[in-house]
N, C-alpha and C. Protein backbone atom coordinates (compact mmCIF):
# COMPACT_ATOMS: atom_id res chain seq x y z
N MET A 1 -42.11 39.62 -18.79
CA MET A 1 -41.77 40.26 -20.03
C MET A 1 -40.28 40.62 -20.05
N VAL A 2 -39.77 41.01 -18.90
CA VAL A 2 -38.34 41.37 -18.83
C VAL A 2 -37.48 40.14 -19.08
N GLU A 3 -37.85 39.02 -18.49
CA GLU A 3 -37.08 37.80 -18.69
C GLU A 3 -37.14 37.34 -20.15
N ASN A 4 -38.32 37.41 -20.75
CA ASN A 4 -38.45 37.00 -22.15
C ASN A 4 -37.66 37.92 -23.07
N SER A 5 -37.68 39.21 -22.80
CA SER A 5 -36.89 40.15 -23.60
C SER A 5 -35.40 39.93 -23.40
N SER A 6 -35.01 39.55 -22.20
CA SER A 6 -33.59 39.30 -21.91
C SER A 6 -33.05 38.13 -22.72
N ILE A 7 -33.89 37.17 -23.03
CA ILE A 7 -33.45 36.04 -23.85
C ILE A 7 -32.93 36.53 -25.19
N PHE A 8 -33.66 37.46 -25.80
CA PHE A 8 -33.23 38.02 -27.08
C PHE A 8 -32.00 38.91 -26.91
N LEU A 9 -32.05 39.80 -25.92
CA LEU A 9 -30.97 40.78 -25.77
C LEU A 9 -29.63 40.12 -25.44
N ILE A 10 -29.63 39.14 -24.58
CA ILE A 10 -28.39 38.47 -24.22
C ILE A 10 -27.83 37.69 -25.41
N SER A 11 -28.70 37.05 -26.17
CA SER A 11 -28.24 36.32 -27.36
C SER A 11 -27.58 37.25 -28.36
N VAL A 12 -28.21 38.36 -28.63
CA VAL A 12 -27.65 39.33 -29.59
C VAL A 12 -26.36 39.93 -29.05
N ALA A 13 -26.34 40.25 -27.76
CA ALA A 13 -25.15 40.83 -27.17
C ALA A 13 -23.96 39.87 -27.24
N LEU A 14 -24.20 38.59 -27.03
CA LEU A 14 -23.11 37.62 -27.10
C LEU A 14 -22.55 37.49 -28.51
N VAL A 15 -23.43 37.57 -29.51
CA VAL A 15 -22.96 37.50 -30.89
C VAL A 15 -22.08 38.70 -31.21
N PHE A 16 -22.51 39.88 -30.83
CA PHE A 16 -21.71 41.07 -31.12
C PHE A 16 -20.46 41.15 -30.25
N ALA A 17 -20.51 40.60 -29.04
CA ALA A 17 -19.30 40.53 -28.22
C ALA A 17 -18.26 39.61 -28.86
N LEU A 18 -18.71 38.51 -29.46
CA LEU A 18 -17.80 37.62 -30.17
C LEU A 18 -17.14 38.36 -31.33
N GLY A 19 -17.92 39.11 -32.09
CA GLY A 19 -17.37 39.88 -33.19
C GLY A 19 -16.39 40.94 -32.72
N PHE A 20 -16.66 41.53 -31.57
CA PHE A 20 -15.77 42.54 -31.02
C PHE A 20 -14.45 41.93 -30.58
N TYR A 21 -14.51 40.82 -29.86
CA TYR A 21 -13.29 40.20 -29.35
C TYR A 21 -12.46 39.54 -30.44
N LEU A 22 -13.11 39.04 -31.49
CA LEU A 22 -12.37 38.47 -32.61
C LEU A 22 -11.95 39.53 -33.62
N ASN A 23 -12.42 40.76 -33.40
CA ASN A 23 -12.15 41.88 -34.30
C ASN A 23 -12.69 41.58 -35.70
N LYS A 24 -13.84 40.91 -35.74
CA LYS A 24 -14.51 40.58 -37.00
C LYS A 24 -15.98 40.94 -36.86
N LYS A 25 -16.25 42.23 -36.99
CA LYS A 25 -17.62 42.70 -36.79
C LYS A 25 -18.55 42.27 -37.93
N LYS A 26 -18.00 42.09 -39.13
CA LYS A 26 -18.84 41.60 -40.23
C LYS A 26 -19.31 40.17 -39.96
N LEU A 27 -18.46 39.37 -39.35
CA LEU A 27 -18.86 38.01 -38.97
C LEU A 27 -20.01 38.05 -37.98
N ALA A 28 -19.96 38.98 -37.03
CA ALA A 28 -21.04 39.11 -36.05
C ALA A 28 -22.34 39.47 -36.74
N TRP A 29 -22.29 40.37 -37.73
CA TRP A 29 -23.51 40.73 -38.46
C TRP A 29 -24.04 39.56 -39.28
N VAL A 30 -23.15 38.76 -39.84
CA VAL A 30 -23.60 37.59 -40.60
C VAL A 30 -24.27 36.58 -39.66
N ILE A 31 -23.66 36.32 -38.53
CA ILE A 31 -24.25 35.39 -37.56
C ILE A 31 -25.59 35.92 -37.07
N PHE A 32 -25.64 37.22 -36.80
CA PHE A 32 -26.90 37.83 -36.36
C PHE A 32 -27.98 37.72 -37.44
N GLY A 33 -27.60 37.92 -38.68
CA GLY A 33 -28.56 37.79 -39.79
C GLY A 33 -29.09 36.38 -39.92
N VAL A 34 -28.20 35.40 -39.80
CA VAL A 34 -28.63 33.99 -39.89
C VAL A 34 -29.54 33.64 -38.72
N MET A 35 -29.21 34.11 -37.53
CA MET A 35 -30.06 33.87 -36.37
C MET A 35 -31.44 34.51 -36.55
N THR A 36 -31.47 35.72 -37.10
CA THR A 36 -32.74 36.42 -37.29
C THR A 36 -33.60 35.73 -38.33
N VAL A 37 -33.00 35.33 -39.44
CA VAL A 37 -33.76 34.64 -40.48
C VAL A 37 -34.28 33.30 -39.95
N GLY A 38 -33.46 32.57 -39.24
CA GLY A 38 -33.90 31.29 -38.65
C GLY A 38 -35.03 31.48 -37.66
N PHE A 39 -34.93 32.53 -36.84
CA PHE A 39 -35.99 32.81 -35.88
C PHE A 39 -37.29 33.15 -36.59
N LEU A 40 -37.22 34.01 -37.60
CA LEU A 40 -38.43 34.42 -38.30
C LEU A 40 -39.07 33.26 -39.06
N ILE A 41 -38.24 32.37 -39.61
CA ILE A 41 -38.78 31.20 -40.30
C ILE A 41 -39.55 30.31 -39.33
N MET A 42 -39.10 30.24 -38.09
CA MET A 42 -39.76 29.37 -37.12
C MET A 42 -40.90 30.04 -36.37
N VAL A 43 -40.82 31.36 -36.15
CA VAL A 43 -41.81 32.00 -35.29
C VAL A 43 -43.14 32.25 -36.00
N PHE A 44 -43.13 32.58 -37.28
CA PHE A 44 -44.40 32.88 -37.96
C PHE A 44 -45.32 31.66 -38.05
N PRO A 45 -44.84 30.48 -38.46
CA PRO A 45 -45.74 29.32 -38.45
C PRO A 45 -46.19 28.94 -37.03
N SER A 46 -45.31 29.13 -36.07
CA SER A 46 -45.65 28.78 -34.70
C SER A 46 -46.74 29.69 -34.15
N VAL A 47 -46.61 31.00 -34.36
CA VAL A 47 -47.63 31.94 -33.89
C VAL A 47 -48.95 31.70 -34.61
N THR A 48 -48.90 31.45 -35.90
CA THR A 48 -50.12 31.18 -36.66
C THR A 48 -50.84 29.94 -36.13
N ALA A 49 -50.09 28.90 -35.85
CA ALA A 49 -50.70 27.67 -35.33
C ALA A 49 -51.29 27.89 -33.94
N GLU A 50 -50.62 28.67 -33.11
CA GLU A 50 -51.12 28.88 -31.76
C GLU A 50 -52.38 29.75 -31.74
N VAL A 51 -52.46 30.72 -32.62
CA VAL A 51 -53.62 31.60 -32.65
C VAL A 51 -54.85 30.87 -33.19
N ASN A 52 -54.65 29.94 -34.11
CA ASN A 52 -55.78 29.22 -34.70
C ASN A 52 -56.34 28.14 -33.79
N GLY A 53 -55.62 27.73 -32.80
CA GLY A 53 -56.13 26.71 -31.88
C GLY A 53 -55.81 25.30 -32.35
N ASN A 54 -56.20 24.35 -31.54
CA ASN A 54 -55.94 22.95 -31.81
C ASN A 54 -57.09 22.36 -32.62
N PRO A 55 -56.81 21.86 -33.84
CA PRO A 55 -57.91 21.32 -34.65
C PRO A 55 -58.53 20.07 -34.04
N GLY A 56 -57.78 19.31 -33.27
CA GLY A 56 -58.35 18.13 -32.62
C GLY A 56 -59.37 18.51 -31.56
N ILE A 57 -59.12 19.56 -30.83
CA ILE A 57 -60.08 20.03 -29.82
C ILE A 57 -61.28 20.67 -30.50
N ALA A 58 -61.02 21.41 -31.59
CA ALA A 58 -62.14 22.03 -32.32
C ALA A 58 -63.05 20.96 -32.92
N HIS A 59 -62.50 19.82 -33.31
CA HIS A 59 -63.29 18.72 -33.87
C HIS A 59 -64.26 18.15 -32.82
N LEU A 60 -63.88 18.25 -31.56
CA LEU A 60 -64.74 17.76 -30.48
C LEU A 60 -65.86 18.74 -30.15
N GLY A 61 -65.82 19.93 -30.77
CA GLY A 61 -66.87 20.91 -30.53
C GLY A 61 -66.56 21.89 -29.42
N VAL A 62 -65.34 21.92 -28.95
CA VAL A 62 -64.94 22.84 -27.90
C VAL A 62 -64.54 24.16 -28.52
N SER A 63 -65.11 25.24 -28.01
CA SER A 63 -64.80 26.57 -28.53
C SER A 63 -63.43 27.02 -28.02
N GLN A 64 -62.63 27.61 -28.92
CA GLN A 64 -61.29 28.11 -28.56
C GLN A 64 -61.15 29.56 -29.00
N PRO A 65 -61.84 30.48 -28.33
CA PRO A 65 -61.79 31.88 -28.79
C PRO A 65 -60.41 32.52 -28.63
N ASN A 66 -59.63 32.06 -27.68
CA ASN A 66 -58.29 32.63 -27.47
C ASN A 66 -57.21 31.83 -28.16
N GLY A 67 -57.55 30.84 -28.92
CA GLY A 67 -56.55 30.00 -29.55
C GLY A 67 -56.10 28.89 -28.62
N SER A 68 -54.97 28.33 -28.90
CA SER A 68 -54.44 27.23 -28.10
C SER A 68 -53.82 27.78 -26.82
N MET A 69 -54.31 27.35 -25.68
CA MET A 69 -53.81 27.86 -24.40
C MET A 69 -53.04 26.80 -23.61
N GLU A 70 -52.70 25.67 -24.24
CA GLU A 70 -51.93 24.66 -23.53
C GLU A 70 -50.52 25.19 -23.30
N ARG A 71 -50.02 25.07 -22.08
CA ARG A 71 -48.67 25.49 -21.68
C ARG A 71 -48.39 26.96 -21.97
N LYS A 72 -49.38 27.82 -21.82
CA LYS A 72 -49.22 29.24 -22.11
C LYS A 72 -49.35 30.05 -20.84
N GLU A 73 -48.74 31.22 -20.88
CA GLU A 73 -48.94 32.19 -19.81
C GLU A 73 -50.35 32.75 -19.97
N VAL A 74 -51.16 32.70 -18.92
CA VAL A 74 -52.51 33.22 -19.02
C VAL A 74 -52.54 34.74 -18.96
N ARG A 75 -51.43 35.36 -18.58
CA ARG A 75 -51.37 36.82 -18.55
C ARG A 75 -51.28 37.40 -19.95
N PHE A 76 -50.76 36.62 -20.89
CA PHE A 76 -50.58 37.10 -22.26
C PHE A 76 -51.52 36.33 -23.17
N GLU A 77 -51.73 36.85 -24.33
CA GLU A 77 -52.47 36.11 -25.36
C GLU A 77 -51.57 35.01 -25.91
N PRO A 78 -52.12 34.02 -26.62
CA PRO A 78 -51.28 32.94 -27.13
C PRO A 78 -50.20 33.41 -28.10
N ALA A 79 -50.51 34.43 -28.90
CA ALA A 79 -49.51 34.92 -29.86
C ALA A 79 -48.32 35.55 -29.15
N ALA A 80 -48.57 36.37 -28.15
CA ALA A 80 -47.49 37.02 -27.42
C ALA A 80 -46.71 36.01 -26.60
N SER A 81 -47.41 35.07 -26.01
CA SER A 81 -46.74 34.04 -25.23
C SER A 81 -45.84 33.18 -26.10
N ASP A 82 -46.30 32.87 -27.29
CA ASP A 82 -45.52 32.04 -28.19
C ASP A 82 -44.37 32.83 -28.81
N PHE A 83 -44.62 34.10 -29.13
CA PHE A 83 -43.59 34.93 -29.74
C PHE A 83 -42.46 35.21 -28.75
N LEU A 84 -42.82 35.57 -27.53
CA LEU A 84 -41.80 35.92 -26.55
C LEU A 84 -41.12 34.70 -25.96
N GLY A 85 -41.81 33.61 -25.85
CA GLY A 85 -41.21 32.41 -25.27
C GLY A 85 -41.15 31.29 -26.27
N ASN A 86 -40.62 31.56 -27.41
CA ASN A 86 -40.58 30.55 -28.47
C ASN A 86 -39.50 29.54 -28.15
N ASN A 87 -39.77 28.71 -27.14
CA ASN A 87 -38.80 27.73 -26.68
C ASN A 87 -39.46 26.38 -26.52
N HIS A 88 -40.10 25.89 -27.58
CA HIS A 88 -40.80 24.61 -27.49
C HIS A 88 -39.84 23.45 -27.22
N TYR A 89 -38.58 23.64 -27.54
CA TYR A 89 -37.60 22.58 -27.31
C TYR A 89 -37.28 22.42 -25.84
N CYS A 90 -37.64 23.40 -25.00
CA CYS A 90 -37.32 23.33 -23.58
C CYS A 90 -38.46 22.75 -22.76
N ASN A 91 -39.66 22.70 -23.31
CA ASN A 91 -40.81 22.23 -22.54
C ASN A 91 -40.88 20.72 -22.55
N PHE A 92 -40.77 20.14 -21.39
CA PHE A 92 -40.83 18.68 -21.27
C PHE A 92 -42.13 18.27 -20.67
């Protein structure tokens, strides 16, 4: 959880550090706003899809009470795992 939270905190800190060093704090807020809107646009459909499970597996008659658990941390639920580690572009 600490590592997943650090992904967010370091990203935000770097944006505001850029604004501080360029002496353009409004630019930092604009970049932060764009990053937040982009994240929210991507995370809600992703979490919804993960909680509902895989329709192809459900078609085979396999029960998925916890949702889609492929490539997920078993310590967390699928929604928390997807929300905190929303990095599908990194999974090969």
